[in-house]
């Protein structure tokens, strides 16, 4: 069966990464992935969480939020703290971005990556990771130049969604595909071909190893394209 937008099963939606989209942040990237639009900003803050003080090491953390009309119907703001889904996504983004570093020996600084979804059409968390990595790279470069610390950014990290829809493994699901998928997942990879995290869930019937292999193969091809887009955005 044809995909809603006519793409082939192994085709990403159009991708655009705009580095430096926020002139006030130490690092930023506006991510466009088809109909999904996420602003990622990196803020460098002095100090680290209490459990890390005195270590001489820094920390990377992430926050995620969705504008009320990022979706077809208004979603209330989380005024009294992040909900369970938001906490899960924030932790995924933070874990993923920390995998870009060789270590935390850049002094007691915290880099906070804010990922704000302006428009959602599936894949918001994976877009946030891909754009967040660009913002993090820019912020660590800023920190190294301004404060003379070492820059531990070692490898790019990118993420993409995969799934099985109408019995077919597909790359980069939009919202319509995601809500009807028999299996949906997110794959986070580190350049060139390392896995950071794999999340795949059967929404109905369990799936077998060959299906997982097919989705991982699609994800590898997709993240390779995203790494290339990140490199272009960063001028590497």
C-alpha atoms as a PDB file:
ATOM      1  CA  UNK A   1       0.000   0.000   0.000  1.00  0.00           C
ATOM      2  CA  UNK A   2       1.288   3.490  -0.850  1.00  0.00           C
ATOM      3  CA  UNK A   3       2.429   5.757   1.936  1.00  0.00           C
ATOM      4  CA  UNK A   4       0.283   8.833   2.664  1.00  0.00           C
ATOM      5  CA  UNK A   5       2.833  11.190   1.084  1.00  0.00           C
ATOM      6  CA  UNK A   6       3.933   8.838  -1.695  1.00  0.00           C
ATOM      7  CA  UNK A   7       7.376   8.079  -0.279  1.00  0.00           C
ATOM      8  CA  UNK A   8       9.104   4.743  -0.754  1.00  0.00           C
ATOM      9  CA  UNK A   9       9.429   2.553   2.379  1.00  0.00           C
ATOM     10  CA  UNK A  10      13.113   3.493   2.829  1.00  0.00           C
ATOM     11  CA  UNK A  11      12.736   7.236   2.205  1.00  0.00           C
ATOM     12  CA  UNK A  12      13.068  10.006   4.777  1.00  0.00           C
ATOM     13  CA  UNK A  13      10.805  13.006   4.694  1.00  0.00           C
ATOM     14  CA  UNK A  14      12.535  16.217   3.505  1.00  0.00           C
ATOM     15  CA  UNK A  15      15.077  17.270   6.153  1.00  0.00           C
ATOM     16  CA  UNK A  16      16.399  20.768   6.897  1.00  0.00           C
ATOM     17  CA  UNK A  17      18.670  21.713   9.813  1.00  0.00           C
ATOM     18  CA  UNK A  18      19.141  25.443  10.426  1.00  0.00           C
ATOM     19  CA  UNK A  19      22.090  26.007  12.749  1.00  0.00           C
ATOM     20  CA  UNK A  20      22.121  29.231  14.761  1.00  0.00           C
ATOM     21  CA  UNK A  21      18.356  29.743  14.444  1.00  0.00           C
ATOM     22  CA  UNK A  22      18.224  31.365  17.899  1.00  0.00           C
ATOM     23  CA  UNK A  23      20.664  34.316  18.113  1.00  0.00           C
ATOM     24  CA  UNK A  24      20.582  34.413  21.925  1.00  0.00           C
ATOM     25  CA  UNK A  25      21.487  30.794  22.706  1.00  0.00           C
ATOM     26  CA  UNK A  26      25.030  29.406  22.866  1.00  0.00           C
ATOM     27  CA  UNK A  27      23.886  26.736  20.430  1.00  0.00           C
ATOM     28  CA  UNK A  28      20.701  26.227  18.432  1.00  0.00           C
ATOM     29  CA  UNK A  29      19.163  24.311  15.559  1.00  0.00           C
ATOM     30  CA  UNK A  30      15.746  24.515  13.955  1.00  0.00           C
ATOM     31  CA  UNK A  31      14.796  21.062  12.647  1.00  0.00           C
ATOM     32  CA  UNK A  32      12.311  20.528   9.824  1.00  0.00           C
ATOM     33  CA  UNK A  33      11.425  16.906   9.160  1.00  0.00           C
ATOM     34  CA  UNK A  34       8.475  16.827   6.815  1.00  0.00           C
ATOM     35  CA  UNK A  35       5.618  18.402   8.749  1.00  0.00           C
ATOM     36  CA  UNK A  36       7.478  18.229  12.075  1.00  0.00           C
ATOM     37  CA  UNK A  37       9.241  21.384  13.259  1.00  0.00           C
ATOM     38  CA  UNK A  38      11.350  21.497  16.447  1.00  0.00           C
ATOM     39  CA  UNK A  39      13.451  24.340  17.863  1.00  0.00           C
ATOM     40  CA  UNK A  40      16.474  23.052  19.796  1.00  0.00           C
ATOM     41  CA  UNK A  41      18.463  25.497  21.915  1.00  0.00           C
ATOM     42  CA  UNK A  42      21.527  24.844  24.068  1.00  0.00           C
ATOM     43  CA  UNK A  43      22.146  27.024  27.117  1.00  0.00           C
ATOM     44  CA  UNK A  44      25.484  27.005  28.946  1.00  0.00           C
ATOM     45  CA  UNK A  45      24.978  27.495  32.688  1.00  0.00           C
ATOM     46  CA  UNK A  46      27.624  27.721  35.432  1.00  0.00           C
ATOM     47  CA  UNK A  47      27.439  24.910  37.986  1.00  0.00           C
ATOM     48  CA  UNK A  48      26.269  21.312  37.951  1.00  0.00           C
ATOM     49  CA  UNK A  49      23.686  19.252  39.867  1.00  0.00           C
ATOM     50  CA  UNK A  50      24.446  18.769  43.565  1.00  0.00           C
ATOM     51  CA  UNK A  51      25.495  15.148  43.118  1.00  0.00           C
ATOM     52  CA  UNK A  52      28.213  16.247  40.656  1.00  0.00           C
ATOM     53  CA  UNK A  53      29.654  19.245  42.528  1.00  0.00           C
ATOM     54  CA  UNK A  54      33.343  19.130  43.295  1.00  0.00           C
ATOM     55  CA  UNK A  55      34.019  16.586  40.557  1.00  0.00           C
ATOM     56  CA  UNK A  56      35.376  19.082  38.066  1.00  0.00           C
ATOM     57  CA  UNK A  57      33.081  17.563  35.473  1.00  0.00           C
ATOM     58  CA  UNK A  58      30.190  19.016  33.550  1.00  0.00           C
ATOM     59  CA  UNK A  59      26.726  17.728  32.723  1.00  0.00           C
ATOM     60  CA  UNK A  60      24.301  17.580  29.792  1.00  0.00           C
ATOM     61  CA  UNK A  61      20.551  17.535  30.330  1.00  0.00           C
ATOM     62  CA  UNK A  62      17.478  18.057  28.166  1.00  0.00           C
ATOM     63  CA  UNK A  63      13.945  19.389  28.389  1.00  0.00           C
ATOM     64  CA  UNK A  64      11.109  18.809  25.931  1.00  0.00           C
ATOM     65  CA  UNK A  65       7.809  20.591  25.422  1.00  0.00           C
ATOM     66  CA  UNK A  66       5.100  20.876  22.800  1.00  0.00           C
ATOM     67  CA  UNK A  67       3.268  24.078  21.940  1.00  0.00           C
ATOM     68  CA  UNK A  68      -0.490  23.833  22.504  1.00  0.00           C
ATOM     69  CA  UNK A  69      -1.323  24.017  18.773  1.00  0.00           C
ATOM     70  CA  UNK A  70       1.597  21.947  17.534  1.00  0.00           C
ATOM     71  CA  UNK A  71      -1.060  19.311  16.826  1.00  0.00           C
ATOM     72  CA  UNK A  72      -4.451  19.239  15.091  1.00  0.00           C
ATOM     73  CA  UNK A  73      -6.224  19.806  18.408  1.00  0.00           C
ATOM     74  CA  UNK A  74      -4.994  22.019  21.222  1.00  0.00           C
ATOM     75  CA  UNK A  75      -2.939  20.277  23.906  1.00  0.00           C
ATOM     76  CA  UNK A  76      -2.994  21.960  27.341  1.00  0.00           C
ATOM     77  CA  UNK A  77       0.302  23.336  28.624  1.00  0.00           C
ATOM     78  CA  UNK A  78       2.004  21.328  31.370  1.00  0.00           C
ATOM     79  CA  UNK A  79       1.825  24.159  33.892  1.00  0.00           C
ATOM     80  CA  UNK A  80       2.339  21.998  36.971  1.00  0.00           C
ATOM     81  CA  UNK A  81       5.336  19.984  35.843  1.00  0.00           C
ATOM     82  CA  UNK A  82       6.124  17.569  33.084  1.00  0.00           C
ATOM     83  CA  UNK A  83       3.892  14.556  32.646  1.00  0.00           C
ATOM     84  CA  UNK A  84       5.024  10.961  32.329  1.00  0.00           C
ATOM     85  CA  UNK A  85       5.371  10.997  28.534  1.00  0.00           C
ATOM     86  CA  UNK A  86       7.366  14.230  28.647  1.00  0.00           C
ATOM     87  CA  UNK A  87       9.690  12.856  31.341  1.00  0.00           C
ATOM     88  CA  UNK A  88      10.304   9.751  29.237  1.00  0.00           C
ATOM     89  CA  UNK A  89      11.157  11.822  26.158  1.00  0.00           C
ATOM     90  CA  UNK A  90      13.416  14.198  28.093  1.00  0.00           C
ATOM     91  CA  UNK A  91      15.391  11.322  29.527  1.00  0.00           C
ATOM     92  CA  UNK A  92      15.736   9.734  26.086  1.00  0.00           C
ATOM     93  CA  UNK A  93      17.048  12.986  24.599  1.00  0.00           C
ATOM     94  CA  UNK A  94      19.508  13.510  27.451  1.00  0.00           C
ATOM     95  CA  UNK A  95      20.852   9.939  27.290  1.00  0.00           C
ATOM     96  CA  UNK A  96      21.211  10.177  23.543  1.00  0.00           C
ATOM     97  CA  UNK A  97      23.074  13.470  23.515  1.00  0.00           C
ATOM     98  CA  UNK A  98      25.470  12.408  26.265  1.00  0.00           C
ATOM     99  CA  UNK A  99      26.526   9.584  23.925  1.00  0.00           C
ATOM    100  CA  UNK A 100      28.056  12.247  21.650  1.00  0.00           C
ATOM    101  CA  UNK A 101      30.770  12.972  24.233  1.00  0.00           C
ATOM    102  CA  UNK A 102      34.036  11.252  25.084  1.00  0.00           C
ATOM    103  CA  UNK A 103      33.571  12.383  28.694  1.00  0.00           C
ATOM    104  CA  UNK A 104      32.582  15.351  30.837  1.00  0.00           C
ATOM    105  CA  UNK A 105      35.969  16.946  31.471  1.00  0.00           C
ATOM    106  CA  UNK A 106      34.911  20.456  30.505  1.00  0.00           C
ATOM    107  CA  UNK A 107      34.605  21.898  33.997  1.00  0.00           C
ATOM    108  CA  UNK A 108      31.558  22.336  36.170  1.00  0.00           C
ATOM    109  CA  UNK A 109      29.202  23.665  33.537  1.00  0.00           C
ATOM    110  CA  UNK A 110      25.728  22.408  32.656  1.00  0.00           C
ATOM    111  CA  UNK A 111      24.495  22.484  29.081  1.00  0.00           C
ATOM    112  CA  UNK A 112      20.720  22.397  28.947  1.00  0.00           C
ATOM    113  CA  UNK A 113      19.129  21.420  25.644  1.00  0.00           C
ATOM    114  CA  UNK A 114      15.573  22.732  25.274  1.00  0.00           C
ATOM    115  CA  UNK A 115      13.565  20.993  22.557  1.00  0.00           C
ATOM    116  CA  UNK A 116      10.319  22.817  21.775  1.00  0.00           C
ATOM    117  CA  UNK A 117       7.948  21.280  19.259  1.00  0.00           C
ATOM    118  CA  UNK A 118       6.410  24.008  17.103  1.00  0.00           C
ATOM    119  CA  UNK A 119       4.574  21.627  14.791  1.00  0.00           C
ATOM    120  CA  UNK A 120       4.104  17.870  15.185  1.00  0.00           C
ATOM    121  CA  UNK A 121       3.564  15.301  12.436  1.00  0.00           C
ATOM    122  CA  UNK A 122       5.303  12.284  13.964  1.00  0.00           C
ATOM    123  CA  UNK A 123       8.923  11.774  14.970  1.00  0.00           C
ATOM    124  CA  UNK A 124       9.179  14.749  17.324  1.00  0.00           C
ATOM    125  CA  UNK A 125      11.537  13.033  19.775  1.00  0.00           C
ATOM    126  CA  UNK A 126      13.825  11.762  17.049  1.00  0.00           C
ATOM    127  CA  UNK A 127      13.910  15.193  15.400  1.00  0.00           C
ATOM    128  CA  UNK A 128      14.732  16.703  18.808  1.00  0.00           C
ATOM    129  CA  UNK A 129      17.723  14.378  19.206  1.00  0.00           C
ATOM    130  CA  UNK A 130      19.018  15.104  15.699  1.00  0.00           C
ATOM    131  CA  UNK A 131      18.702  18.866  16.107  1.00  0.00           C
ATOM    132  CA  UNK A 132      19.810  18.764  19.735  1.00  0.00           C
ATOM    133  CA  UNK A 133      23.129  17.223  18.706  1.00  0.00           C
ATOM    134  CA  UNK A 134      23.825  20.172  16.392  1.00  0.00           C
ATOM    135  CA  UNK A 135      22.935  22.660  19.138  1.00  0.00           C
ATOM    136  CA  UNK A 136      25.122  20.766  21.631  1.00  0.00           C
ATOM    137  CA  UNK A 137      28.110  20.728  19.269  1.00  0.00           C
ATOM    138  CA  UNK A 138      27.778  24.476  18.773  1.00  0.00           C
ATOM    139  CA  UNK A 139      27.454  25.153  22.513  1.00  0.00           C
ATOM    140  CA  UNK A 140      30.497  23.051  23.417  1.00  0.00           C
ATOM    141  CA  UNK A 141      32.525  24.878  20.773  1.00  0.00           C
ATOM    142  CA  UNK A 142      31.367  28.183  22.276  1.00  0.00           C
ATOM    143  CA  UNK A 143      32.350  27.002  25.752  1.00  0.00           C
ATOM    144  CA  UNK A 144      35.793  25.867  24.576  1.00  0.00           C
ATOM    145  CA  UNK A 145      36.472  29.172  22.814  1.00  0.00           C
ATOM    146  CA  UNK A 146      35.171  31.412  25.609  1.00  0.00           C
ATOM    147  CA  UNK A 147      36.528  29.546  28.630  1.00  0.00           C
ATOM    148  CA  UNK A 148      39.428  27.508  27.287  1.00  0.00           C
ATOM    149  CA  UNK A 149      38.047  24.133  28.336  1.00  0.00           C
ATOM    150  CA  UNK A 150      38.451  20.938  26.355  1.00  0.00           C
ATOM    151  CA  UNK A 151      35.725  20.080  23.872  1.00  0.00           C
ATOM    152  CA  UNK A 152      34.599  16.455  24.394  1.00  0.00           C
ATOM    153  CA  UNK A 153      32.186  16.350  21.441  1.00  0.00           C
ATOM    154  CA  UNK A 154      33.434  13.213  19.701  1.00  0.00           C
ATOM    155  CA  UNK A 155      30.705  11.832  17.474  1.00  0.00           C
ATOM    156  CA  UNK A 156      27.434  12.910  15.949  1.00  0.00           C
ATOM    157  CA  UNK A 157      24.217  11.379  17.272  1.00  0.00           C
ATOM    158  CA  UNK A 158      21.008  11.198  15.250  1.00  0.00           C
ATOM    159  CA  UNK A 159      17.685   9.405  15.571  1.00  0.00           C
ATOM    160  CA  UNK A 160      14.884   8.246  13.332  1.00  0.00           C
ATOM    161  CA  UNK A 161      11.562   6.474  13.695  1.00  0.00           C
ATOM    162  CA  UNK A 162      10.784   3.122  12.084  1.00  0.00           C
ATOM    163  CA  UNK A 163       7.776   0.841  12.044  1.00  0.00           C
ATOM    164  CA  UNK A 164       5.707  -1.780  10.334  1.00  0.00           C
ATOM    165  CA  UNK A 165       2.619  -0.417   8.617  1.00  0.00           C
ATOM    166  CA  UNK A 166       0.312  -2.545   6.466  1.00  0.00           C
ATOM    167  CA  UNK A 167       2.781  -5.413   6.861  1.00  0.00           C
ATOM    168  CA  UNK A 168       5.666  -3.340   5.461  1.00  0.00           C
ATOM    169  CA  UNK A 169       8.782  -2.059   7.298  1.00  0.00           C
ATOM    170  CA  UNK A 170       8.951   1.718   6.856  1.00  0.00           C
ATOM    171  CA  UNK A 171      11.371   4.508   7.708  1.00  0.00           C
ATOM    172  CA  UNK A 172      10.460   7.827   9.339  1.00  0.00           C
ATOM    173  CA  UNK A 173       6.756   7.485  10.111  1.00  0.00           C
ATOM    174  CA  UNK A 174       4.506  10.501   9.940  1.00  0.00           C
ATOM    175  CA  UNK A 175       1.605  10.861  12.369  1.00  0.00           C
ATOM    176  CA  UNK A 176      -0.918   9.045  10.192  1.00  0.00           C
ATOM    177  CA  UNK A 177       1.402   6.052   9.820  1.00  0.00           C
ATOM    178  CA  UNK A 178       2.450   6.077  13.456  1.00  0.00           C
ATOM    179  CA  UNK A 179      -1.113   5.861  14.759  1.00  0.00           C
ATOM    180  CA  UNK A 180      -1.900   2.860  12.536  1.00  0.00           C
ATOM    181  CA  UNK A 181       1.446   1.030  12.844  1.00  0.00           C
ATOM    182  CA  UNK A 182       1.491  -2.600  13.961  1.00  0.00           C
ATOM    183  CA  UNK A 183       5.007  -1.951  15.286  1.00  0.00           C
ATOM    184  CA  UNK A 184       6.532   1.428  15.959  1.00  0.00           C
ATOM    185  CA  UNK A 185      10.000   2.280  17.141  1.00  0.00           C
ATOM    186  CA  UNK A 186      12.773   4.823  17.520  1.00  0.00           C
ATOM    187  CA  UNK A 187      16.426   4.153  16.800  1.00  0.00           C
ATOM    188  CA  UNK A 188      19.227   6.403  18.104  1.00  0.00           C
ATOM    189  CA  UNK A 189      22.606   5.965  16.441  1.00  0.00           C
ATOM    190  CA  UNK A 190      26.094   7.398  16.891  1.00  0.00           C
ATOM    191  CA  UNK A 191      28.339   8.040  13.922  1.00  0.00           C
ATOM    192  CA  UNK A 192      29.358   6.096  11.970  1.00  0.00           C
ATOM    193  CA  UNK A 193      27.394   2.914  12.741  1.00  0.00           C
ATOM    194  CA  UNK A 194      26.927   2.527  16.504  1.00  0.00           C
ATOM    195  CA  UNK A 195      23.618   2.097  18.315  1.00  0.00           C
ATOM    196  CA  UNK A 196      22.748   4.216  21.329  1.00  0.00           C
ATOM    197  CA  UNK A 197      19.179   3.088  21.939  1.00  0.00           C
ATOM    198  CA  UNK A 198      16.578   0.949  20.186  1.00  0.00           C
ATOM    199  CA  UNK A 199      12.908   1.170  21.156  1.00  0.00           C
ATOM    200  CA  UNK A 200      10.452  -1.021  19.237  1.00  0.00           C
ATOM    201  CA  UNK A 201       6.985  -1.922  20.447  1.00  0.00           C
ATOM    202  CA  UNK A 202       4.319  -4.209  19.022  1.00  0.00           C
ATOM    203  CA  UNK A 203       0.963  -2.462  19.164  1.00  0.00           C
ATOM    204  CA  UNK A 204      -0.888  -5.725  18.539  1.00  0.00           C
ATOM    205  CA  UNK A 205       0.727  -8.992  17.515  1.00  0.00           C
ATOM    206  CA  UNK A 206       4.379  -9.659  18.468  1.00  0.00           C
ATOM    207  CA  UNK A 207       6.994  -9.311  15.729  1.00  0.00           C
ATOM    208  CA  UNK A 208       9.923 -11.556  14.845  1.00  0.00           C
ATOM    209  CA  UNK A 209      13.671 -11.040  14.545  1.00  0.00           C
ATOM    210  CA  UNK A 210      13.617 -10.632  10.776  1.00  0.00           C
ATOM    211  CA  UNK A 211      11.207  -7.708  11.146  1.00  0.00           C
ATOM    212  CA  UNK A 212      13.506  -6.110  13.700  1.00  0.00           C
ATOM    213  CA  UNK A 213      16.492  -6.604  11.398  1.00  0.00           C
ATOM    214  CA  UNK A 214      14.592  -4.957   8.547  1.00  0.00           C
ATOM    215  CA  UNK A 215      13.731  -1.945  10.694  1.00  0.00           C
ATOM    216  CA  UNK A 216      17.309  -1.607  11.931  1.00  0.00           C
ATOM    217  CA  UNK A 217      18.567  -1.712   8.346  1.00  0.00           C
ATOM    218  CA  UNK A 218      16.179   1.082   7.415  1.00  0.00           C
ATOM    219  CA  UNK A 219      17.239   3.080  10.472  1.00  0.00           C
ATOM    220  CA  UNK A 220      20.936   2.723   9.600  1.00  0.00           C
ATOM    221  CA  UNK A 221      20.322   4.140   6.130  1.00  0.00           C
ATOM    222  CA  UNK A 222      18.196   6.937   7.560  1.00  0.00           C
ATOM    223  CA  UNK A 223      20.644   8.020  10.250  1.00  0.00           C
ATOM    224  CA  UNK A 224      23.487   8.008   7.708  1.00  0.00           C
ATOM    225  CA  UNK A 225      21.537  10.652   5.780  1.00  0.00           C
ATOM    226  CA  UNK A 226      20.898  12.593   8.982  1.00  0.00           C
ATOM    227  CA  UNK A 227      24.599  12.533   9.893  1.00  0.00           C
ATOM    228  CA  UNK A 228      25.324  14.055   6.486  1.00  0.00           C
ATOM    229  CA  UNK A 229      22.719  16.778   7.092  1.00  0.00           C
ATOM    230  CA  UNK A 230      24.205  17.517  10.522  1.00  0.00           C
ATOM    231  CA  UNK A 231      27.684  17.815   9.031  1.00  0.00           C
ATOM    232  CA  UNK A 232      26.429  20.260   6.431  1.00  0.00           C
ATOM    233  CA  UNK A 233      24.705  22.346   9.101  1.00  0.00           C
ATOM    234  CA  UNK A 234      27.856  22.433  11.234  1.00  0.00           C
ATOM    235  CA  UNK A 235      30.146  23.092   8.275  1.00  0.00           C
ATOM    236  CA  UNK A 236      32.203  19.972   8.962  1.00  0.00           C
END
